[in-house]
Amino acid sequence: MTAASRFSREGSGIRLVDAKEAIAFALIGWLTAHRLPGSVASCTGAAADRVLGSLAPGAGPLRLPEPVPMPARLVMEVPT
């Protein structure tokens, strides 16, 4: 099952349009965990691009994934 079909009516009963907020927050969380900016200064008027949110350790030390290059684009396919 592809990621797109998991969000389809046939896959999980969740329509993509109903999951858009959850998808957006998952993307922001992924960007934050990888220490990548989730906002773009040219779009927000900020002085620089910023990492959104923060991560707090639980009982043990906080282990973040290695930084990755900023993705050039995000493509979501909706099954037809």
N, C-alpha and C. Protein backbone atom coordinates (compact mmCIF):
# COMPACT_ATOMS: atom_id res chain seq x y z
N MET A 1 0.85 -1.19 0.00
CA MET A 1 0.00 0.00 0.00
C MET A 1 0.89 1.24 0.00
N THR A 2 0.63 2.15 -0.90
CA THR A 2 1.42 3.38 -0.97
C THR A 2 0.93 4.37 0.08
N ALA A 3 1.76 5.38 0.35
CA ALA A 3 1.37 6.41 1.31
C ALA A 3 0.09 7.10 0.86
N ALA A 4 -0.02 7.33 -0.44
CA ALA A 4 -1.22 8.01 -0.95
C ALA A 4 -2.46 7.18 -0.71
N SER A 5 -2.38 5.86 -0.90
CA SER A 5 -3.57 5.04 -0.74
C SER A 5 -3.97 4.90 0.72
N ARG A 6 -3.03 5.09 1.64
CA ARG A 6 -3.39 5.04 3.06
C ARG A 6 -4.33 6.18 3.43
N PHE A 7 -4.29 7.26 2.67
CA PHE A 7 -5.16 8.39 2.94
C PHE A 7 -6.37 8.44 2.02
N SER A 8 -6.58 7.38 1.30
CA SER A 8 -7.72 7.35 0.39
C SER A 8 -8.95 6.77 1.08
N ARG A 9 -10.07 6.95 0.48
CA ARG A 9 -11.32 6.40 1.00
C ARG A 9 -11.23 4.88 1.07
N GLU A 10 -10.59 4.27 0.07
CA GLU A 10 -10.49 2.81 0.04
C GLU A 10 -9.48 2.30 1.07
N GLY A 11 -8.41 3.06 1.32
CA GLY A 11 -7.34 2.60 2.19
C GLY A 11 -7.72 2.55 3.65
N SER A 12 -8.05 3.68 4.23
CA SER A 12 -8.30 3.72 5.67
C SER A 12 -9.64 4.33 6.03
N GLY A 13 -10.39 4.77 5.04
CA GLY A 13 -11.65 5.43 5.32
C GLY A 13 -11.47 6.92 5.57
N ILE A 14 -10.23 7.42 5.51
CA ILE A 14 -9.98 8.84 5.72
C ILE A 14 -9.75 9.49 4.37
N ARG A 15 -10.53 10.50 4.07
CA ARG A 15 -10.33 11.22 2.81
C ARG A 15 -9.16 12.18 2.99
N LEU A 16 -8.35 12.36 1.94
CA LEU A 16 -7.19 13.24 2.00
C LEU A 16 -7.57 14.63 2.46
N VAL A 17 -8.70 15.14 2.00
CA VAL A 17 -9.12 16.49 2.38
C VAL A 17 -9.37 16.58 3.89
N ASP A 18 -9.78 15.47 4.51
CA ASP A 18 -10.03 15.47 5.95
C ASP A 18 -8.74 15.33 6.75
N ALA A 19 -7.67 14.90 6.13
CA ALA A 19 -6.42 14.65 6.82
C ALA A 19 -5.39 15.76 6.60
N LYS A 20 -5.75 16.83 5.91
CA LYS A 20 -4.75 17.83 5.53
C LYS A 20 -4.10 18.50 6.74
N GLU A 21 -4.83 18.76 7.81
CA GLU A 21 -4.22 19.37 9.00
C GLU A 21 -3.24 18.40 9.65
N ALA A 22 -3.61 17.15 9.76
CA ALA A 22 -2.72 16.15 10.35
C ALA A 22 -1.46 16.00 9.51
N ILE A 23 -1.61 16.02 8.19
CA ILE A 23 -0.46 15.91 7.30
C ILE A 23 0.45 17.12 7.46
N ALA A 24 -0.12 18.30 7.55
CA ALA A 24 0.67 19.52 7.72
C ALA A 24 1.46 19.49 9.03
N PHE A 25 0.82 19.06 10.13
CA PHE A 25 1.53 19.00 11.40
C PHE A 25 2.59 17.90 11.40
N ALA A 26 2.34 16.80 10.72
CA ALA A 26 3.36 15.75 10.59
C ALA A 26 4.57 16.28 9.82
N LEU A 27 4.33 17.06 8.77
CA LEU A 27 5.42 17.64 8.00
C LEU A 27 6.21 18.64 8.86
N ILE A 28 5.52 19.49 9.60
CA ILE A 28 6.20 20.45 10.48
C ILE A 28 7.03 19.70 11.52
N GLY A 29 6.48 18.63 12.09
CA GLY A 29 7.22 17.83 13.07
C GLY A 29 8.45 17.19 12.46
N TRP A 30 8.33 16.67 11.24
CA TRP A 30 9.47 16.05 10.57
C TRP A 30 10.56 17.09 10.33
N LEU A 31 10.15 18.27 9.85
CA LEU A 31 11.12 19.34 9.61
C LEU A 31 11.82 19.74 10.91
N THR A 32 11.07 19.89 11.98
CA THR A 32 11.64 20.28 13.28
C THR A 32 12.61 19.21 13.77
N ALA A 33 12.23 17.95 13.69
CA ALA A 33 13.10 16.86 14.16
C ALA A 33 14.41 16.82 13.38
N HIS A 34 14.37 17.23 12.12
CA HIS A 34 15.58 17.24 11.30
C HIS A 34 16.25 18.62 11.28
N ARG A 35 15.78 19.51 12.14
CA ARG A 35 16.34 20.86 12.29
C ARG A 35 16.34 21.65 10.97
N LEU A 36 15.22 21.51 10.27
CA LEU A 36 15.03 22.24 9.02
C LEU A 36 13.97 23.31 9.21
N PRO A 37 14.10 24.45 8.55
CA PRO A 37 13.10 25.50 8.71
C PRO A 37 11.73 25.09 8.19
N GLY A 38 10.71 25.46 8.94
CA GLY A 38 9.34 25.17 8.53
C GLY A 38 8.63 26.41 8.03
N SER A 39 9.32 27.54 8.07
CA SER A 39 8.76 28.77 7.50
C SER A 39 9.83 29.39 6.61
N VAL A 40 9.38 30.12 5.64
CA VAL A 40 10.28 30.75 4.68
C VAL A 40 10.16 32.26 4.85
N ALA A 41 11.28 32.91 5.11
CA ALA A 41 11.28 34.34 5.40
C ALA A 41 10.62 35.16 4.30
N SER A 42 10.83 34.81 3.06
CA SER A 42 10.25 35.58 1.96
C SER A 42 8.73 35.50 1.94
N CYS A 43 8.16 34.49 2.58
CA CYS A 43 6.70 34.34 2.63
C CYS A 43 6.10 34.94 3.89
N THR A 44 6.88 34.99 4.97
CA THR A 44 6.33 35.43 6.25
C THR A 44 6.74 36.84 6.64
N GLY A 45 7.78 37.38 6.00
CA GLY A 45 8.28 38.69 6.37
C GLY A 45 9.27 38.63 7.52
N ALA A 46 9.63 37.44 7.99
CA ALA A 46 10.60 37.28 9.07
C ALA A 46 12.00 37.63 8.56
N ALA A 47 12.93 37.82 9.49
CA ALA A 47 14.30 38.16 9.12
C ALA A 47 15.02 36.98 8.48
N ALA A 48 14.66 35.76 8.86
CA ALA A 48 15.32 34.56 8.32
C ALA A 48 14.36 33.38 8.42
N ASP A 49 14.68 32.30 7.69
CA ASP A 49 13.90 31.07 7.80
C ASP A 49 14.04 30.54 9.23
N ARG A 50 12.99 29.93 9.77
CA ARG A 50 13.00 29.48 11.16
C ARG A 50 12.53 28.04 11.29
N VAL A 51 13.16 27.32 12.23
CA VAL A 51 12.68 26.00 12.62
C VAL A 51 11.46 26.26 13.50
N LEU A 52 10.37 25.54 13.24
CA LEU A 52 9.13 25.75 13.99
C LEU A 52 9.03 24.75 15.13
N GLY A 53 8.63 25.22 16.29
CA GLY A 53 8.42 24.33 17.42
C GLY A 53 9.71 23.97 18.12
N SER A 54 9.57 23.11 19.11
CA SER A 54 10.73 22.62 19.85
C SER A 54 10.46 21.20 20.30
N LEU A 55 11.51 20.48 20.61
CA LEU A 55 11.40 19.11 21.08
C LEU A 55 11.96 19.04 22.49
N ALA A 56 11.25 18.41 23.38
CA ALA A 56 11.69 18.28 24.77
C ALA A 56 11.95 16.80 25.06
N PRO A 57 13.07 16.50 25.73
CA PRO A 57 13.36 15.10 26.04
C PRO A 57 12.40 14.57 27.10
N GLY A 58 12.18 13.28 27.05
CA GLY A 58 11.39 12.62 28.08
C GLY A 58 12.30 12.20 29.21
N ALA A 59 12.16 10.97 29.67
CA ALA A 59 12.97 10.48 30.79
C ALA A 59 14.43 10.32 30.40
N GLY A 60 14.70 9.98 29.14
CA GLY A 60 16.07 9.77 28.70
C GLY A 60 16.57 10.95 27.89
N PRO A 61 17.78 10.82 27.36
CA PRO A 61 18.30 11.92 26.53
C PRO A 61 17.54 12.03 25.21
N LEU A 62 17.47 13.22 24.70
CA LEU A 62 16.81 13.47 23.41
C LEU A 62 17.75 13.08 22.29
N ARG A 63 17.33 12.16 21.45
CA ARG A 63 18.15 11.71 20.32
C ARG A 63 17.44 12.11 19.03
N LEU A 64 18.01 13.07 18.35
CA LEU A 64 17.44 13.55 17.10
C LEU A 64 18.10 12.85 15.92
N PRO A 65 17.37 12.71 14.81
CA PRO A 65 17.99 12.14 13.61
C PRO A 65 19.05 13.09 13.08
N GLU A 66 19.94 12.54 12.28
CA GLU A 66 20.96 13.37 11.65
C GLU A 66 20.29 14.40 10.74
N PRO A 67 20.85 15.60 10.65
CA PRO A 67 20.29 16.58 9.73
C PRO A 67 20.31 16.07 8.29
N VAL A 68 19.32 16.46 7.54
CA VAL A 68 19.23 16.08 6.13
C VAL A 68 19.11 17.35 5.31
N PRO A 69 19.40 17.28 4.01
CA PRO A 69 19.21 18.46 3.17
C PRO A 69 17.73 18.83 3.08
N MET A 70 17.47 20.09 2.91
CA MET A 70 16.10 20.56 2.76
C MET A 70 15.49 19.98 1.49
N PRO A 71 14.32 19.34 1.61
CA PRO A 71 13.66 18.82 0.39
C PRO A 71 13.32 19.97 -0.56
N ALA A 72 13.46 19.72 -1.83
CA ALA A 72 13.15 20.74 -2.83
C ALA A 72 11.65 20.89 -3.03
N ARG A 73 10.90 19.79 -2.83
CA ARG A 73 9.46 19.85 -3.02
C ARG A 73 8.79 18.67 -2.31
N LEU A 74 7.53 18.80 -2.10
CA LEU A 74 6.71 17.75 -1.51
C LEU A 74 5.61 17.41 -2.50
N VAL A 75 5.50 16.15 -2.84
CA VAL A 75 4.48 15.71 -3.78
C VAL A 75 3.58 14.72 -3.09
N MET A 76 2.28 14.98 -3.09
CA MET A 76 1.30 14.06 -2.54
C MET A 76 0.43 13.60 -3.68
N GLU A 77 0.37 12.31 -3.86
CA GLU A 77 -0.44 11.75 -4.92
C GLU A 77 -1.75 11.26 -4.37
N VAL A 78 -2.83 11.63 -5.01
CA VAL A 78 -4.15 11.18 -4.62
C VAL A 78 -4.57 10.10 -5.60
N PRO A 79 -4.88 8.90 -5.08
CA PRO A 79 -5.26 7.83 -5.99
C PRO A 79 -6.54 8.18 -6.75
N THR A 80 -6.63 7.74 -7.98
CA THR A 80 -7.82 8.05 -8.78
C THR A 80 -8.76 6.87 -8.79
